Amino acid sequence: VVLAVTPQDELLYANAAAAAMLGCTDARSITPEMLPVLTDEDGRSAPLAASMRLNPAVREVRVDHVDGRSTYCRAIGDRLCNPDGSIDLYYCALSDVSVERAAAQALRDSELPFRTLFEHASEGMLLIDVDSGTIRDANPELCRLLELPVSQIAGQPVVRWLNDSTARPLALLRQLKAQGRIRSEALTCRTDGG
């Protein structure tokens, strides 16, 4: 979607995608009242030109349509100036990120039960990056057992914390990577003091 407007929010150009987004059959049927109002992450709403004056950089905005619909878009815009430095026009490219936002929210929602279990478990738990064999996170119970903050555990090789000098921990990591889960008898962890 590409729109170009004057500093007074008069439409100079709209491509076919802009017309479709605004519910028109073609760009010639777009009226000034149909131009979207952009609302940024801070909740500031402004017509297109005013919004570009406020913040011409790339950002995510809510586009409020005159028919009451809202679309979330990534807005990329700037201004074109006359030789004397006065602003000739503002242009804006909008790409719809509504589906992307919905997918990100669904992922956050699906992670919440796991995060709750992880944070409140009475057993020590680790999140391990199986590709590198490093610890990505440790739950509060494991931090309590090891008497260390998560910042001193995360990023460490998982084998550093296992009281097992055999190849078994590495074999378990390979199994985890291949099968997505492992079943094993309890592994004994050691603290820095031994």
C-alpha atoms as a PDB file:
ATOM      1  CA  VAL A   1       0.000   0.000   0.000  1.00  0.00           C
ATOM      2  CA  VAL A   2       1.519   3.302  -1.065  1.00  0.00           C
ATOM      3  CA  LEU A   3       0.022   6.704  -0.347  1.00  0.00           C
ATOM      4  CA  ALA A   4       1.367  10.190  -1.025  1.00  0.00           C
ATOM      5  CA  VAL A   5      -0.246  13.263   0.510  1.00  0.00           C
ATOM      6  CA  THR A   6       0.408  16.986   0.743  1.00  0.00           C
ATOM      7  CA  PRO A   7       1.271  18.575   4.090  1.00  0.00           C
ATOM      8  CA  GLN A   8      -2.448  19.476   4.240  1.00  0.00           C
ATOM      9  CA  ASP A   9      -3.424  15.764   3.874  1.00  0.00           C
ATOM     10  CA  GLU A  10      -4.630  16.093   0.279  1.00  0.00           C
ATOM     11  CA  LEU A  11      -4.183  12.837  -1.607  1.00  0.00           C
ATOM     12  CA  LEU A  12      -1.644  13.006  -4.440  1.00  0.00           C
ATOM     13  CA  TYR A  13      -1.191   9.318  -5.175  1.00  0.00           C
ATOM     14  CA  ALA A  14      -2.571   5.984  -4.090  1.00  0.00           C
ATOM     15  CA  ASN A  15      -1.813   2.636  -5.647  1.00  0.00           C
ATOM     16  CA  ALA A  16      -4.420  -0.090  -6.267  1.00  0.00           C
ATOM     17  CA  ALA A  17      -3.544  -1.830  -2.983  1.00  0.00           C
ATOM     18  CA  ALA A  18      -4.236   1.418  -1.111  1.00  0.00           C
ATOM     19  CA  ALA A  19      -7.613   1.714  -2.826  1.00  0.00           C
ATOM     20  CA  ALA A  20      -8.479  -1.877  -1.888  1.00  0.00           C
ATOM     21  CA  MET A  21      -7.386  -1.347   1.724  1.00  0.00           C
ATOM     22  CA  LEU A  22      -9.627   1.721   1.896  1.00  0.00           C
ATOM     23  CA  GLY A  23     -12.546  -0.191   0.377  1.00  0.00           C
ATOM     24  CA  CYS A  24     -12.502   1.529  -3.014  1.00  0.00           C
ATOM     25  CA  THR A  25     -12.563   0.081  -6.495  1.00  0.00           C
ATOM     26  CA  ASP A  26      -9.778   2.402  -7.672  1.00  0.00           C
ATOM     27  CA  ALA A  27      -7.578   5.230  -6.398  1.00  0.00           C
ATOM     28  CA  ARG A  28      -9.683   7.931  -8.100  1.00  0.00           C
ATOM     29  CA  SER A  29     -12.631   7.135  -5.828  1.00  0.00           C
ATOM     30  CA  ILE A  30     -10.668   7.802  -2.602  1.00  0.00           C
ATOM     31  CA  THR A  31     -12.022  10.877  -0.851  1.00  0.00           C
ATOM     32  CA  PRO A  32     -10.059  12.899   1.743  1.00  0.00           C
ATOM     33  CA  GLU A  33     -12.332  11.567   4.489  1.00  0.00           C
ATOM     34  CA  MET A  34     -11.263   8.026   3.616  1.00  0.00           C
ATOM     35  CA  LEU A  35      -7.581   8.612   4.300  1.00  0.00           C
ATOM     36  CA  PRO A  36      -6.529   6.531   7.268  1.00  0.00           C
ATOM     37  CA  VAL A  37      -5.712   7.840  10.699  1.00  0.00           C
ATOM     38  CA  LEU A  38      -2.530   6.290  12.066  1.00  0.00           C
ATOM     39  CA  THR A  39      -2.149   5.472  15.758  1.00  0.00           C
ATOM     40  CA  ASP A  40       1.374   4.689  16.942  1.00  0.00           C
ATOM     41  CA  GLU A  41       2.495   2.498  19.865  1.00  0.00           C
ATOM     42  CA  ASP A  42       2.285   5.495  22.209  1.00  0.00           C
ATOM     43  CA  GLY A  43      -1.408   5.943  21.406  1.00  0.00           C
ATOM     44  CA  ARG A  44      -0.934   9.152  19.409  1.00  0.00           C
ATOM     45  CA  SER A  45      -3.401   9.381  16.532  1.00  0.00           C
ATOM     46  CA  ALA A  46      -2.979  11.652  13.559  1.00  0.00           C
ATOM     47  CA  PRO A  47      -3.928  11.924   9.897  1.00  0.00           C
ATOM     48  CA  LEU A  48      -1.351  10.547   7.493  1.00  0.00           C
ATOM     49  CA  ALA A  49       0.661  13.755   6.857  1.00  0.00           C
ATOM     50  CA  ALA A  50       0.672  14.759  10.514  1.00  0.00           C
ATOM     51  CA  SER A  51       1.724  11.255  11.476  1.00  0.00           C
ATOM     52  CA  MET A  52       4.638  11.399   9.037  1.00  0.00           C
ATOM     53  CA  ARG A  53       5.645  14.784  10.464  1.00  0.00           C
ATOM     54  CA  LEU A  54       5.639  13.293  13.982  1.00  0.00           C
ATOM     55  CA  ASN A  55       7.636  10.208  13.124  1.00  0.00           C
ATOM     56  CA  PRO A  56       8.755   9.423   9.568  1.00  0.00           C
ATOM     57  CA  ALA A  57      10.735   6.338  10.628  1.00  0.00           C
ATOM     58  CA  VAL A  58       9.671   2.715  10.272  1.00  0.00           C
ATOM     59  CA  ARG A  59       7.143   1.778  12.933  1.00  0.00           C
ATOM     60  CA  GLU A  60       4.060  -0.276  13.572  1.00  0.00           C
ATOM     61  CA  VAL A  61       0.774   1.601  13.539  1.00  0.00           C
ATOM     62  CA  ARG A  62      -2.934   0.923  13.787  1.00  0.00           C
ATOM     63  CA  VAL A  63      -4.759   2.187  10.718  1.00  0.00           C
ATOM     64  CA  ASP A  64      -8.294   3.268  11.608  1.00  0.00           C
ATOM     65  CA  HIS A  65     -10.623   3.212   8.611  1.00  0.00           C
ATOM     66  CA  VAL A  66     -13.723   5.355   8.211  1.00  0.00           C
ATOM     67  CA  ASP A  67     -15.909   2.225   8.198  1.00  0.00           C
ATOM     68  CA  GLY A  68     -14.753   1.379  11.737  1.00  0.00           C
ATOM     69  CA  ARG A  69     -12.250  -1.341  10.789  1.00  0.00           C
ATOM     70  CA  SER A  70      -8.693  -1.284  12.083  1.00  0.00           C
ATOM     71  CA  THR A  71      -5.639  -2.808  10.452  1.00  0.00           C
ATOM     72  CA  TYR A  72      -2.191  -3.145  11.979  1.00  0.00           C
ATOM     73  CA  CYS A  73       0.519  -2.102   9.546  1.00  0.00           C
ATOM     74  CA  ARG A  74       4.225  -1.488   9.390  1.00  0.00           C
ATOM     75  CA  ALA A  75       4.559   2.093   8.181  1.00  0.00           C
ATOM     76  CA  ILE A  76       7.602   3.265   6.298  1.00  0.00           C
ATOM     77  CA  GLY A  77       7.489   6.880   5.235  1.00  0.00           C
ATOM     78  CA  ASP A  78       9.364  10.060   4.696  1.00  0.00           C
ATOM     79  CA  ARG A  79       8.978  13.461   3.115  1.00  0.00           C
ATOM     80  CA  LEU A  80      10.068  14.962  -0.185  1.00  0.00           C
ATOM     81  CA  CYS A  81      11.242  18.563  -0.023  1.00  0.00           C
ATOM     82  CA  ASN A  82      11.354  21.376  -2.555  1.00  0.00           C
ATOM     83  CA  PRO A  83      14.740  22.982  -3.376  1.00  0.00           C
ATOM     84  CA  ASP A  84      13.978  25.717  -0.806  1.00  0.00           C
ATOM     85  CA  GLY A  85      13.582  23.053   1.912  1.00  0.00           C
ATOM     86  CA  SER A  86       9.822  23.295   2.231  1.00  0.00           C
ATOM     87  CA  ILE A  87       7.965  20.005   2.334  1.00  0.00           C
ATOM     88  CA  ASP A  88       6.355  19.084  -0.962  1.00  0.00           C
ATOM     89  CA  LEU A  89       4.736  15.819   0.053  1.00  0.00           C
ATOM     90  CA  TYR A  90       4.733  12.934   2.510  1.00  0.00           C
ATOM     91  CA  TYR A  91       4.708   9.392   1.291  1.00  0.00           C
ATOM     92  CA  CYS A  92       3.993   6.271   3.212  1.00  0.00           C
ATOM     93  CA  ALA A  93       4.189   2.568   2.440  1.00  0.00           C
ATOM     94  CA  LEU A  94       1.983   0.423   4.652  1.00  0.00           C
ATOM     95  CA  SER A  95       2.282  -3.344   4.877  1.00  0.00           C
ATOM     96  CA  ASP A  96      -0.385  -5.279   6.750  1.00  0.00           C
ATOM     97  CA  VAL A  97       1.009  -7.081   9.802  1.00  0.00           C
ATOM     98  CA  SER A  98      -2.340  -8.085  11.321  1.00  0.00           C
ATOM     99  CA  VAL A  99      -1.757 -11.798  10.653  1.00  0.00           C
ATOM    100  CA  GLU A 100       1.815 -11.542  11.959  1.00  0.00           C
ATOM    101  CA  ARG A 101       0.582  -9.839  15.149  1.00  0.00           C
ATOM    102  CA  ALA A 102      -2.143 -12.455  15.659  1.00  0.00           C
ATOM    103  CA  ALA A 103       0.400 -15.272  15.253  1.00  0.00           C
ATOM    104  CA  ALA A 104       2.777 -13.626  17.741  1.00  0.00           C
ATOM    105  CA  GLN A 105      -0.063 -13.244  20.255  1.00  0.00           C
ATOM    106  CA  ALA A 106      -1.127 -16.873  19.768  1.00  0.00           C
ATOM    107  CA  LEU A 107       2.475 -17.961  20.403  1.00  0.00           C
ATOM    108  CA  ARG A 108       2.634 -15.870  23.595  1.00  0.00           C
ATOM    109  CA  ASP A 109      -0.696 -17.335  24.717  1.00  0.00           C
ATOM    110  CA  SER A 110       0.483 -20.898  24.050  1.00  0.00           C
ATOM    111  CA  GLU A 111       3.725 -20.327  25.982  1.00  0.00           C
ATOM    112  CA  LEU A 112       1.958 -19.019  29.085  1.00  0.00           C
ATOM    113  CA  PRO A 113       0.949 -22.416  30.585  1.00  0.00           C
ATOM    114  CA  PHE A 114       4.478 -23.763  30.091  1.00  0.00           C
ATOM    115  CA  ARG A 115       6.063 -20.627  31.556  1.00  0.00           C
ATOM    116  CA  THR A 116       3.748 -20.845  34.578  1.00  0.00           C
ATOM    117  CA  LEU A 117       4.645 -24.520  35.143  1.00  0.00           C
ATOM    118  CA  PHE A 118       8.362 -23.794  34.668  1.00  0.00           C
ATOM    119  CA  GLU A 119       8.372 -20.854  37.081  1.00  0.00           C
ATOM    120  CA  HIS A 120       6.345 -22.561  39.823  1.00  0.00           C
ATOM    121  CA  ALA A 121       7.605 -26.161  39.674  1.00  0.00           C
ATOM    122  CA  SER A 122       8.877 -27.666  42.908  1.00  0.00           C
ATOM    123  CA  GLU A 123      11.637 -29.417  40.931  1.00  0.00           C
ATOM    124  CA  GLY A 124      14.657 -27.724  39.435  1.00  0.00           C
ATOM    125  CA  MET A 125      14.241 -27.324  35.661  1.00  0.00           C
ATOM    126  CA  LEU A 126      16.446 -26.149  32.807  1.00  0.00           C
ATOM    127  CA  LEU A 127      15.733 -24.955  29.293  1.00  0.00           C
ATOM    128  CA  ILE A 128      18.538 -26.286  27.132  1.00  0.00           C
ATOM    129  CA  ASP A 129      19.597 -25.293  23.625  1.00  0.00           C
ATOM    130  CA  VAL A 130      20.177 -28.783  22.253  1.00  0.00           C
ATOM    131  CA  ASP A 131      22.198 -27.527  19.279  1.00  0.00           C
ATOM    132  CA  SER A 132      24.867 -25.917  21.436  1.00  0.00           C
ATOM    133  CA  GLY A 133      24.339 -27.887  24.666  1.00  0.00           C
ATOM    134  CA  THR A 134      24.045 -24.646  26.634  1.00  0.00           C
ATOM    135  CA  ILE A 135      21.518 -23.650  29.250  1.00  0.00           C
ATOM    136  CA  ARG A 136      19.060 -20.986  28.096  1.00  0.00           C
ATOM    137  CA  ASP A 137      17.116 -20.590  31.358  1.00  0.00           C
ATOM    138  CA  ALA A 138      16.767 -22.078  34.827  1.00  0.00           C
ATOM    139  CA  ASN A 139      13.650 -22.005  36.967  1.00  0.00           C
ATOM    140  CA  PRO A 140      13.622 -20.415  40.453  1.00  0.00           C
ATOM    141  CA  GLU A 141      13.742 -23.807  42.214  1.00  0.00           C
ATOM    142  CA  LEU A 142      16.952 -24.830  40.426  1.00  0.00           C
ATOM    143  CA  CYS A 143      18.468 -21.431  41.206  1.00  0.00           C
ATOM    144  CA  ARG A 144      17.572 -21.990  44.866  1.00  0.00           C
ATOM    145  CA  LEU A 145      19.084 -25.496  44.858  1.00  0.00           C
ATOM    146  CA  LEU A 146      22.298 -24.313  43.222  1.00  0.00           C
ATOM    147  CA  GLU A 147      22.343 -21.101  45.294  1.00  0.00           C
ATOM    148  CA  LEU A 148      22.985 -19.060  42.151  1.00  0.00           C
ATOM    149  CA  PRO A 149      21.076 -16.444  40.164  1.00  0.00           C
ATOM    150  CA  VAL A 150      19.899 -17.480  36.707  1.00  0.00           C
ATOM    151  CA  SER A 151      22.434 -15.051  35.187  1.00  0.00           C
ATOM    152  CA  GLN A 152      25.261 -17.317  36.421  1.00  0.00           C
ATOM    153  CA  ILE A 153      23.620 -20.476  35.053  1.00  0.00           C
ATOM    154  CA  ALA A 154      22.286 -19.370  31.656  1.00  0.00           C
ATOM    155  CA  GLY A 155      24.798 -19.585  28.839  1.00  0.00           C
ATOM    156  CA  GLN A 156      26.836 -22.301  30.581  1.00  0.00           C
ATOM    157  CA  PRO A 157      27.349 -25.757  29.031  1.00  0.00           C
ATOM    158  CA  VAL A 158      24.829 -28.128  30.600  1.00  0.00           C
ATOM    159  CA  VAL A 159      27.512 -30.791  31.204  1.00  0.00           C
ATOM    160  CA  ARG A 160      29.291 -28.359  33.551  1.00  0.00           C
ATOM    161  CA  TRP A 161      26.462 -28.809  36.045  1.00  0.00           C
ATOM    162  CA  LEU A 162      26.133 -32.591  35.832  1.00  0.00           C
ATOM    163  CA  ASN A 163      27.960 -34.799  38.292  1.00  0.00           C
ATOM    164  CA  ASP A 164      28.599 -37.378  35.587  1.00  0.00           C
ATOM    165  CA  SER A 165      31.956 -37.711  33.850  1.00  0.00           C
ATOM    166  CA  THR A 166      30.722 -40.359  31.387  1.00  0.00           C
ATOM    167  CA  ALA A 167      29.467 -39.723  27.876  1.00  0.00           C
ATOM    168  CA  ARG A 168      25.876 -40.263  29.089  1.00  0.00           C
ATOM    169  CA  PRO A 169      24.910 -36.542  29.356  1.00  0.00           C
ATOM    170  CA  LEU A 170      26.026 -35.896  25.771  1.00  0.00           C
ATOM    171  CA  ALA A 171      24.154 -38.998  24.576  1.00  0.00           C
ATOM    172  CA  LEU A 172      21.035 -37.713  26.338  1.00  0.00           C
ATOM    173  CA  LEU A 173      21.397 -34.355  24.572  1.00  0.00           C
ATOM    174  CA  ARG A 174      21.698 -36.116  21.193  1.00  0.00           C
ATOM    175  CA  GLN A 175      18.587 -38.166  22.029  1.00  0.00           C
ATOM    176  CA  LEU A 176      16.729 -35.006  23.033  1.00  0.00           C
ATOM    177  CA  LYS A 177      17.636 -33.363  19.743  1.00  0.00           C
ATOM    178  CA  ALA A 178      16.661 -36.407  17.668  1.00  0.00           C
ATOM    179  CA  GLN A 179      13.432 -37.367  19.449  1.00  0.00           C
ATOM    180  CA  GLY A 180      12.319 -34.096  21.061  1.00  0.00           C
ATOM    181  CA  ARG A 181      12.222 -35.662  24.539  1.00  0.00           C
ATOM    182  CA  ILE A 182      14.219 -37.929  26.825  1.00  0.00           C
ATOM    183  CA  ARG A 183      13.477 -40.345  29.614  1.00  0.00           C
ATOM    184  CA  SER A 184      16.261 -40.990  32.031  1.00  0.00           C
ATOM    185  CA  GLU A 185      16.847 -41.689  35.657  1.00  0.00           C
ATOM    186  CA  ALA A 186      17.594 -38.619  37.713  1.00  0.00           C
ATOM    187  CA  LEU A 187      20.781 -36.786  36.917  1.00  0.00           C
ATOM    188  CA  THR A 188      22.771 -35.425  39.823  1.00  0.00           C
ATOM    189  CA  CYS A 189      23.751 -31.767  39.678  1.00  0.00           C
ATOM    190  CA  ARG A 190      26.657 -30.224  41.485  1.00  0.00           C
ATOM    191  CA  THR A 191      27.065 -26.742  42.878  1.00  0.00           C
ATOM    192  CA  ASP A 192      30.165 -24.657  42.353  1.00  0.00           C
ATOM    193  CA  GLY A 193      31.379 -25.886  45.746  1.00  0.00           C
ATOM    194  CA  GLY A 194      31.232 -29.493  44.548  1.00  0.00           C
END
